[in-house]
Amino acid sequence: MDTNLHSRLKNCLQTILELEDDIREDVQRSAFSEEFNKIRGFLERIEQMQLLEEEVARMERATATFLSELQLAVRAEEHLPRRKRVLQ
């Protein structure tokens, strides 16, 4: 088994999980709960999996794309006018 592949895949999944709190602040609290739980479960089983370089490289590309799309969304949100809140 190639532990380097396992480490690389773990890194991708942990990177996504580290964003969980930030993502939950921006979207409905339960919108991604199930997906984050699936990622945690997957992370627990990685060591027993036989991985291929191509699979791990694909996950690395997907993670990079996800991170860049989140960054674009944050930039776009920064340019939106702030909503005025009415206190009652």
PDB file of N, CA and C in Angstrom:
ATOM      1  N   MET A   1       0.830  -1.184   0.000  1.00  0.00           N
ATOM      2  CA  MET A   1       0.000   0.000   0.000  1.00  0.00           C
ATOM      3  C   MET A   1       0.875   1.249   0.000  1.00  0.00           C
ATOM      4  N   ASP A   2       0.498   2.234  -0.769  1.00  0.00           N
ATOM      5  CA  ASP A   2       1.259   3.476  -0.884  1.00  0.00           C
ATOM      6  C   ASP A   2       0.742   4.484   0.147  1.00  0.00           C
ATOM      7  N   THR A   3       1.486   4.646   1.240  1.00  0.00           N
ATOM      8  CA  THR A   3       1.037   5.567   2.290  1.00  0.00           C
ATOM      9  C   THR A   3       1.070   7.018   1.832  1.00  0.00           C
ATOM     10  N   ASN A   4       1.881   7.330   0.833  1.00  0.00           N
ATOM     11  CA  ASN A   4       1.896   8.679   0.282  1.00  0.00           C
ATOM     12  C   ASN A   4       0.537   9.022  -0.328  1.00  0.00           C
ATOM     13  N   LEU A   5      -0.062   8.088  -1.048  1.00  0.00           N
ATOM     14  CA  LEU A   5      -1.383   8.319  -1.628  1.00  0.00           C
ATOM     15  C   LEU A   5      -2.421   8.526  -0.528  1.00  0.00           C
ATOM     16  N   HIS A   6      -2.333   7.732   0.524  1.00  0.00           N
ATOM     17  CA  HIS A   6      -3.269   7.876   1.640  1.00  0.00           C
ATOM     18  C   HIS A   6      -3.113   9.250   2.302  1.00  0.00           C
ATOM     19  N   SER A   7      -1.879   9.670   2.480  1.00  0.00           N
ATOM     20  CA  SER A   7      -1.615  10.974   3.094  1.00  0.00           C
ATOM     21  C   SER A   7      -2.154  12.106   2.236  1.00  0.00           C
ATOM     22  N   ARG A   8      -1.958  12.007   0.953  1.00  0.00           N
ATOM     23  CA  ARG A   8      -2.447  13.051   0.044  1.00  0.00           C
ATOM     24  C   ARG A   8      -3.970  13.133   0.065  1.00  0.00           C
ATOM     25  N   LEU A   9      -4.619  11.975   0.063  1.00  0.00           N
ATOM     26  CA  LEU A   9      -6.082  11.967   0.096  1.00  0.00           C
ATOM     27  C   LEU A   9      -6.593  12.478   1.438  1.00  0.00           C
ATOM     28  N   LYS A  10      -5.953  12.075   2.520  1.00  0.00           N
ATOM     29  CA  LYS A  10      -6.339  12.579   3.846  1.00  0.00           C
ATOM     30  C   LYS A  10      -6.228  14.092   3.889  1.00  0.00           C
ATOM     31  N   ASN A  11      -5.171  14.620   3.309  1.00  0.00           N
ATOM     32  CA  ASN A  11      -4.970  16.059   3.291  1.00  0.00           C
ATOM     33  C   ASN A  11      -6.132  16.775   2.593  1.00  0.00           C
ATOM     34  N   CYS A  12      -6.574  16.232   1.477  1.00  0.00           N
ATOM     35  CA  CYS A  12      -7.713  16.826   0.758  1.00  0.00           C
ATOM     36  C   CYS A  12      -8.960  16.848   1.632  1.00  0.00           C
ATOM     37  N   LEU A  13      -9.266  15.716   2.225  1.00  0.00           N
ATOM     38  CA  LEU A  13     -10.489  15.608   3.026  1.00  0.00           C
ATOM     39  C   LEU A  13     -10.420  16.472   4.280  1.00  0.00           C
ATOM     40  N   GLN A  14      -9.272  16.500   4.927  1.00  0.00           N
ATOM     41  CA  GLN A  14      -9.119  17.330   6.119  1.00  0.00           C
ATOM     42  C   GLN A  14      -9.218  18.810   5.779  1.00  0.00           C
ATOM     43  N   THR A  15      -8.712  19.191   4.627  1.00  0.00           N
ATOM     44  CA  THR A  15      -8.815  20.583   4.182  1.00  0.00           C
ATOM     45  C   THR A  15     -10.278  20.984   4.037  1.00  0.00           C
ATOM     46  N   ILE A  16     -11.074  20.118   3.447  1.00  0.00           N
ATOM     47  CA  ILE A  16     -12.500  20.406   3.285  1.00  0.00           C
ATOM     48  C   ILE A  16     -13.191  20.462   4.646  1.00  0.00           C
ATOM     49  N   LEU A  17     -12.880  19.530   5.523  1.00  0.00           N
ATOM     50  CA  LEU A  17     -13.508  19.507   6.841  1.00  0.00           C
ATOM     51  C   LEU A  17     -13.147  20.735   7.672  1.00  0.00           C
ATOM     52  N   GLU A  18     -11.957  21.270   7.481  1.00  0.00           N
ATOM     53  CA  GLU A  18     -11.551  22.476   8.208  1.00  0.00           C
ATOM     54  C   GLU A  18     -12.412  23.678   7.847  1.00  0.00           C
ATOM     55  N   LEU A  19     -13.039  23.637   6.698  1.00  0.00           N
ATOM     56  CA  LEU A  19     -13.885  24.748   6.249  1.00  0.00           C
ATOM     57  C   LEU A  19     -15.331  24.625   6.726  1.00  0.00           C
ATOM     58  N   GLU A  20     -15.642  23.538   7.406  1.00  0.00           N
ATOM     59  CA  GLU A  20     -17.034  23.259   7.778  1.00  0.00           C
ATOM     60  C   GLU A  20     -17.682  24.413   8.541  1.00  0.00           C
ATOM     61  N   ASP A  21     -17.038  24.934   9.554  1.00  0.00           N
ATOM     62  CA  ASP A  21     -17.633  26.011  10.343  1.00  0.00           C
ATOM     63  C   ASP A  21     -17.863  27.262   9.504  1.00  0.00           C
ATOM     64  N   ASP A  22     -16.895  27.606   8.663  1.00  0.00           N
ATOM     65  CA  ASP A  22     -17.037  28.790   7.813  1.00  0.00           C
ATOM     66  C   ASP A  22     -18.176  28.616   6.816  1.00  0.00           C
ATOM     67  N   ILE A  23     -18.284  27.433   6.243  1.00  0.00           N
ATOM     68  CA  ILE A  23     -19.344  27.174   5.271  1.00  0.00           C
ATOM     69  C   ILE A  23     -20.705  27.220   5.955  1.00  0.00           C
ATOM     70  N   ARG A  24     -20.797  26.666   7.137  1.00  0.00           N
ATOM     71  CA  ARG A  24     -22.072  26.661   7.867  1.00  0.00           C
ATOM     72  C   ARG A  24     -22.529  28.059   8.227  1.00  0.00           C
ATOM     73  N   GLU A  25     -21.592  28.988   8.414  1.00  0.00           N
ATOM     74  CA  GLU A  25     -21.960  30.367   8.710  1.00  0.00           C
ATOM     75  C   GLU A  25     -22.644  31.011   7.511  1.00  0.00           C
ATOM     76  N   ASP A  26     -22.236  30.619   6.320  1.00  0.00           N
ATOM     77  CA  ASP A  26     -22.712  31.260   5.111  1.00  0.00           C
ATOM     78  C   ASP A  26     -23.966  30.622   4.513  1.00  0.00           C
ATOM     79  N   VAL A  27     -24.215  29.388   4.818  1.00  0.00           N
ATOM     80  CA  VAL A  27     -25.367  28.699   4.245  1.00  0.00           C
ATOM     81  C   VAL A  27     -26.220  28.117   5.354  1.00  0.00           C
ATOM     82  N   GLN A  28     -27.351  27.656   4.962  1.00  0.00           N
ATOM     83  CA  GLN A  28     -28.253  27.051   5.928  1.00  0.00           C
ATOM     84  C   GLN A  28     -27.507  25.999   6.743  1.00  0.00           C
ATOM     85  N   ARG A  29     -27.657  26.036   8.040  1.00  0.00           N
ATOM     86  CA  ARG A  29     -26.864  25.209   8.950  1.00  0.00           C
ATOM     87  C   ARG A  29     -26.832  23.730   8.580  1.00  0.00           C
ATOM     88  N   SER A  30     -27.922  23.171   8.138  1.00  0.00           N
ATOM     89  CA  SER A  30     -27.961  21.735   7.883  1.00  0.00           C
ATOM     90  C   SER A  30     -27.727  21.381   6.413  1.00  0.00           C
ATOM     91  N   ALA A  31     -27.483  22.364   5.578  1.00  0.00           N
ATOM     92  CA  ALA A  31     -27.392  22.118   4.136  1.00  0.00           C
ATOM     93  C   ALA A  31     -26.312  21.104   3.778  1.00  0.00           C
ATOM     94  N   PHE A  32     -25.186  21.139   4.473  1.00  0.00           N
ATOM     95  CA  PHE A  32     -24.088  20.249   4.132  1.00  0.00           C
ATOM     96  C   PHE A  32     -23.747  19.258   5.241  1.00  0.00           C
ATOM     97  N   SER A  33     -24.557  19.178   6.278  1.00  0.00           N
ATOM     98  CA  SER A  33     -24.248  18.303   7.415  1.00  0.00           C
ATOM     99  C   SER A  33     -24.033  16.856   6.991  1.00  0.00           C
ATOM    100  N   GLU A  34     -24.919  16.357   6.164  1.00  0.00           N
ATOM    101  CA  GLU A  34     -24.809  14.965   5.727  1.00  0.00           C
ATOM    102  C   GLU A  34     -23.530  14.738   4.924  1.00  0.00           C
ATOM    103  N   GLU A  35     -23.180  15.693   4.064  1.00  0.00           N
ATOM    104  CA  GLU A  35     -21.977  15.553   3.254  1.00  0.00           C
ATOM    105  C   GLU A  35     -20.717  15.568   4.117  1.00  0.00           C
ATOM    106  N   PHE A  36     -20.688  16.458   5.118  1.00  0.00           N
ATOM    107  CA  PHE A  36     -19.530  16.504   6.003  1.00  0.00           C
ATOM    108  C   PHE A  36     -19.417  15.210   6.806  1.00  0.00           C
ATOM    109  N   ASN A  37     -20.533  14.652   7.223  1.00  0.00           N
ATOM    110  CA  ASN A  37     -20.503  13.369   7.938  1.00  0.00           C
ATOM    111  C   ASN A  37     -19.975  12.254   7.041  1.00  0.00           C
ATOM    112  N   LYS A  38     -20.351  12.262   5.777  1.00  0.00           N
ATOM    113  CA  LYS A  38     -19.842  11.260   4.834  1.00  0.00           C
ATOM    114  C   LYS A  38     -18.331  11.397   4.656  1.00  0.00           C
ATOM    115  N   ILE A  39     -17.852  12.628   4.581  1.00  0.00           N
ATOM    116  CA  ILE A  39     -16.412  12.854   4.434  1.00  0.00           C
ATOM    117  C   ILE A  39     -15.676  12.332   5.660  1.00  0.00           C
ATOM    118  N   ARG A  40     -16.223  12.601   6.868  1.00  0.00           N
ATOM    119  CA  ARG A  40     -15.589  12.095   8.090  1.00  0.00           C
ATOM    120  C   ARG A  40     -15.544  10.563   8.096  1.00  0.00           C
ATOM    121  N   GLY A  41     -16.628   9.928   7.675  1.00  0.00           N
ATOM    122  CA  GLY A  41     -16.659   8.468   7.611  1.00  0.00           C
ATOM    123  C   GLY A  41     -15.654   7.928   6.608  1.00  0.00           C
ATOM    124  N   PHE A  42     -15.561   8.582   5.473  1.00  0.00           N
ATOM    125  CA  PHE A  42     -14.605   8.191   4.446  1.00  0.00           C
ATOM    126  C   PHE A  42     -13.179   8.321   4.965  1.00  0.00           C
ATOM    127  N   LEU A  43     -12.924   9.410   5.684  1.00  0.00           N
ATOM    128  CA  LEU A  43     -11.595   9.664   6.236  1.00  0.00           C
ATOM    129  C   LEU A  43     -11.175   8.552   7.204  1.00  0.00           C
ATOM    130  N   GLU A  44     -12.124   8.027   7.955  1.00  0.00           N
ATOM    131  CA  GLU A  44     -11.833   6.952   8.916  1.00  0.00           C
ATOM    132  C   GLU A  44     -11.468   5.637   8.221  1.00  0.00           C
ATOM    133  N   ARG A  45     -11.919   5.435   6.990  1.00  0.00           N
ATOM    134  CA  ARG A  45     -11.695   4.178   6.279  1.00  0.00           C
ATOM    135  C   ARG A  45     -10.564   4.235   5.256  1.00  0.00           C
ATOM    136  N   ILE A  46      -9.920   5.353   5.096  1.00  0.00           N
ATOM    137  CA  ILE A  46      -8.907   5.520   4.044  1.00  0.00           C
ATOM    138  C   ILE A  46      -7.789   4.483   4.141  1.00  0.00           C
ATOM    139  N   GLU A  47      -7.323   4.207   5.323  1.00  0.00           N
ATOM    140  CA  GLU A  47      -6.175   3.306   5.490  1.00  0.00           C
ATOM    141  C   GLU A  47      -6.439   1.914   4.916  1.00  0.00           C
ATOM    142  N   GLN A  48      -7.685   1.480   4.881  1.00  0.00           N
ATOM    143  CA  GLN A  48      -8.008   0.149   4.364  1.00  0.00           C
ATOM    144  C   GLN A  48      -8.216   0.139   2.849  1.00  0.00           C
ATOM    145  N   MET A  49      -8.175   1.276   2.232  1.00  0.00           N
ATOM    146  CA  MET A  49      -8.457   1.376   0.799  1.00  0.00           C
ATOM    147  C   MET A  49      -7.192   1.238  -0.037  1.00  0.00           C
ATOM    148  N   GLN A  50      -7.368   0.630  -1.183  1.00  0.00           N
ATOM    149  CA  GLN A  50      -6.291   0.602  -2.165  1.00  0.00           C
ATOM    150  C   GLN A  50      -6.544   1.756  -3.129  1.00  0.00           C
ATOM    151  N   LEU A  51      -5.589   2.655  -3.189  1.00  0.00           N
ATOM    152  CA  LEU A  51      -5.753   3.864  -3.983  1.00  0.00           C
ATOM    153  C   LEU A  51      -4.855   3.844  -5.207  1.00  0.00           C
ATOM    154  N   LEU A  52      -5.318   4.508  -6.240  1.00  0.00           N
ATOM    155  CA  LEU A  52      -4.527   4.693  -7.451  1.00  0.00           C
ATOM    156  C   LEU A  52      -4.113   6.154  -7.553  1.00  0.00           C
ATOM    157  N   GLU A  53      -2.959   6.388  -8.126  1.00  0.00           N
ATOM    158  CA  GLU A  53      -2.464   7.747  -8.328  1.00  0.00           C
ATOM    159  C   GLU A  53      -3.506   8.616  -9.028  1.00  0.00           C
ATOM    160  N   GLU A  54      -4.151   8.078 -10.038  1.00  0.00           N
ATOM    161  CA  GLU A  54      -5.130   8.842 -10.816  1.00  0.00           C
ATOM    162  C   GLU A  54      -6.311   9.277  -9.953  1.00  0.00           C
ATOM    163  N   GLU A  55      -6.746   8.401  -9.046  1.00  0.00           N
ATOM    164  CA  GLU A  55      -7.870   8.733  -8.167  1.00  0.00           C
ATOM    165  C   GLU A  55      -7.509   9.864  -7.204  1.00  0.00           C
ATOM    166  N   VAL A  56      -6.330   9.764  -6.638  1.00  0.00           N
ATOM    167  CA  VAL A  56      -5.885  10.784  -5.691  1.00  0.00           C
ATOM    168  C   VAL A  56      -5.651  12.110  -6.413  1.00  0.00           C
ATOM    169  N   ALA A  57      -5.060  12.060  -7.573  1.00  0.00           N
ATOM    170  CA  ALA A  57      -4.840  13.290  -8.355  1.00  0.00           C
ATOM    171  C   ALA A  57      -6.168  13.941  -8.710  1.00  0.00           C
ATOM    172  N   ARG A  58      -7.165  13.135  -9.043  1.00  0.00           N
ATOM    173  CA  ARG A  58      -8.494  13.676  -9.358  1.00  0.00           C
ATOM    174  C   ARG A  58      -9.099  14.351  -8.128  1.00  0.00           C
ATOM    175  N   MET A  59      -8.938  13.761  -6.964  1.00  0.00           N
ATOM    176  CA  MET A  59      -9.454  14.360  -5.732  1.00  0.00           C
ATOM    177  C   MET A  59      -8.714  15.645  -5.398  1.00  0.00           C
ATOM    178  N   GLU A  60      -7.410  15.676  -5.650  1.00  0.00           N
ATOM    179  CA  GLU A  60      -6.644  16.902  -5.420  1.00  0.00           C
ATOM    180  C   GLU A  60      -7.127  18.026  -6.336  1.00  0.00           C
ATOM    181  N   ARG A  61      -7.401  17.699  -7.588  1.00  0.00           N
ATOM    182  CA  ARG A  61      -7.919  18.710  -8.525  1.00  0.00           C
ATOM    183  C   ARG A  61      -9.307  19.182  -8.085  1.00  0.00           C
ATOM    184  N   ALA A  62     -10.137  18.251  -7.658  1.00  0.00           N
ATOM    185  CA  ALA A  62     -11.493  18.603  -7.209  1.00  0.00           C
ATOM    186  C   ALA A  62     -11.434  19.501  -5.970  1.00  0.00           C
ATOM    187  N   THR A  63     -10.525  19.193  -5.067  1.00  0.00           N
ATOM    188  CA  THR A  63     -10.376  20.012  -3.859  1.00  0.00           C
ATOM    189  C   THR A  63      -9.890  21.408  -4.228  1.00  0.00           C
ATOM    190  N   ALA A  64      -8.937  21.497  -5.120  1.00  0.00           N
ATOM    191  CA  ALA A  64      -8.424  22.808  -5.558  1.00  0.00           C
ATOM    192  C   ALA A  64      -9.527  23.619  -6.230  1.00  0.00           C
ATOM    193  N   THR A  65     -10.334  22.962  -7.045  1.00  0.00           N
ATOM    194  CA  THR A  65     -11.449  23.649  -7.704  1.00  0.00           C
ATOM    195  C   THR A  65     -12.454  24.141  -6.669  1.00  0.00           C
ATOM    196  N   PHE A  66     -12.793  23.290  -5.720  1.00  0.00           N
ATOM    197  CA  PHE A  66     -13.727  23.657  -4.653  1.00  0.00           C
ATOM    198  C   PHE A  66     -13.214  24.871  -3.885  1.00  0.00           C
ATOM    199  N   LEU A  67     -11.944  24.864  -3.517  1.00  0.00           N
ATOM    200  CA  LEU A  67     -11.368  25.986  -2.777  1.00  0.00           C
ATOM    201  C   LEU A  67     -11.382  27.269  -3.598  1.00  0.00           C
ATOM    202  N   SER A  68     -11.085  27.176  -4.884  1.00  0.00           N
ATOM    203  CA  SER A  68     -11.078  28.381  -5.722  1.00  0.00           C
ATOM    204  C   SER A  68     -12.494  28.919  -5.908  1.00  0.00           C
ATOM    205  N   GLU A  69     -13.479  28.036  -6.015  1.00  0.00           N
ATOM    206  CA  GLU A  69     -14.865  28.488  -6.141  1.00  0.00           C
ATOM    207  C   GLU A  69     -15.351  29.150  -4.856  1.00  0.00           C
ATOM    208  N   LEU A  70     -14.937  28.630  -3.717  1.00  0.00           N
ATOM    209  CA  LEU A  70     -15.292  29.280  -2.449  1.00  0.00           C
ATOM    210  C   LEU A  70     -14.663  30.663  -2.362  1.00  0.00           C
ATOM    211  N   GLN A  71     -13.425  30.755  -2.813  1.00  0.00           N
ATOM    212  CA  GLN A  71     -12.726  32.042  -2.792  1.00  0.00           C
ATOM    213  C   GLN A  71     -13.441  33.050  -3.702  1.00  0.00           C
ATOM    214  N   LEU A  72     -13.865  32.605  -4.874  1.00  0.00           N
ATOM    215  CA  LEU A  72     -14.606  33.485  -5.786  1.00  0.00           C
ATOM    216  C   LEU A  72     -15.925  33.928  -5.160  1.00  0.00           C
ATOM    217  N   ALA A  73     -16.592  33.027  -4.482  1.00  0.00           N
ATOM    218  CA  ALA A  73     -17.861  33.365  -3.840  1.00  0.00           C
ATOM    219  C   ALA A  73     -17.657  34.404  -2.739  1.00  0.00           C
ATOM    220  N   VAL A  74     -16.582  34.261  -1.986  1.00  0.00           N
ATOM    221  CA  VAL A  74     -16.286  35.224  -0.923  1.00  0.00           C
ATOM    222  C   VAL A  74     -15.988  36.586  -1.525  1.00  0.00           C
ATOM    223  N   ARG A  75     -15.210  36.619  -2.590  1.00  0.00           N
ATOM    224  CA  ARG A  75     -14.898  37.896  -3.257  1.00  0.00           C
ATOM    225  C   ARG A  75     -16.158  38.556  -3.797  1.00  0.00           C
ATOM    226  N   ALA A  76     -17.027  37.768  -4.399  1.00  0.00           N
ATOM    227  CA  ALA A  76     -18.270  38.318  -4.947  1.00  0.00           C
ATOM    228  C   ALA A  76     -19.137  38.877  -3.830  1.00  0.00           C
ATOM    229  N   GLU A  77     -19.187  38.186  -2.720  1.00  0.00           N
ATOM    230  CA  GLU A  77     -19.991  38.641  -1.586  1.00  0.00           C
ATOM    231  C   GLU A  77     -19.448  39.938  -1.004  1.00  0.00           C
ATOM    232  N   GLU A  78     -18.142  40.109  -1.030  1.00  0.00           N
ATOM    233  CA  GLU A  78     -17.530  41.328  -0.498  1.00  0.00           C
ATOM    234  C   GLU A  78     -17.947  42.558  -1.296  1.00  0.00           C
ATOM    235  N   HIS A  79     -18.305  42.369  -2.555  1.00  0.00           N
ATOM    236  CA  HIS A  79     -18.682  43.496  -3.400  1.00  0.00           C
ATOM    237  C   HIS A  79     -20.173  43.806  -3.347  1.00  0.00           C
ATOM    238  N   LEU A  80     -20.949  42.970  -2.696  1.00  0.00           N
ATOM    239  CA  LEU A  80     -22.379  43.231  -2.566  1.00  0.00           C
ATOM    240  C   LEU A  80     -22.613  44.264  -1.480  1.00  0.00           C
ATOM    241  N   PRO A  81     -23.602  45.144  -1.683  1.00  0.00           N
ATOM    242  CA  PRO A  81     -23.891  46.119  -0.631  1.00  0.00           C
ATOM    243  C   PRO A  81     -24.421  45.404   0.616  1.00  0.00           C
ATOM    244  N   ARG A  82     -24.048  45.925   1.751  1.00  0.00           N
ATOM    245  CA  ARG A  82     -24.508  45.341   3.012  1.00  0.00           C
ATOM    246  C   ARG A  82     -25.997  45.606   3.184  1.00  0.00           C
ATOM    247  N   ARG A  83     -26.694  44.608   3.625  1.00  0.00           N
ATOM    248  CA  ARG A  83     -28.135  44.773   3.879  1.00  0.00           C
ATOM    249  C   ARG A  83     -28.318  45.510   5.182  1.00  0.00           C
ATOM    250  N   LYS A  84     -29.252  46.432   5.164  1.00  0.00           N
ATOM    251  CA  LYS A  84     -29.565  47.152   6.384  1.00  0.00           C
ATOM    252  C   LYS A  84     -30.521  46.295   7.195  1.00  0.00           C
ATOM    253  N   ARG A  85     -30.236  46.190   8.460  1.00  0.00           N
ATOM    254  CA  ARG A  85     -31.080  45.405   9.334  1.00  0.00           C
ATOM    255  C   ARG A  85     -31.984  46.332  10.105  1.00  0.00           C
ATOM    256  N   VAL A  86     -33.224  45.961  10.199  1.00  0.00           N
ATOM    257  CA  VAL A  86     -34.190  46.737  10.945  1.00  0.00           C
ATOM    258  C   VAL A  86     -34.400  46.047  12.288  1.00  0.00           C
ATOM    259  N   LEU A  87     -34.102  46.758  13.342  1.00  0.00           N
ATOM    260  CA  LEU A  87     -34.299  46.208  14.666  1.00  0.00           C
ATOM    261  C   LEU A  87     -35.687  46.558  15.145  1.00  0.00           C
ATOM    262  N   GLN A  88     -36.342  45.582  15.720  1.00  0.00           N
ATOM    263  CA  GLN A  88     -37.707  45.827  16.193  1.00  0.00           C
ATOM    264  C   GLN A  88     -37.783  45.707  17.687  1.00  0.00           C
TER     265      GLN A  88
END
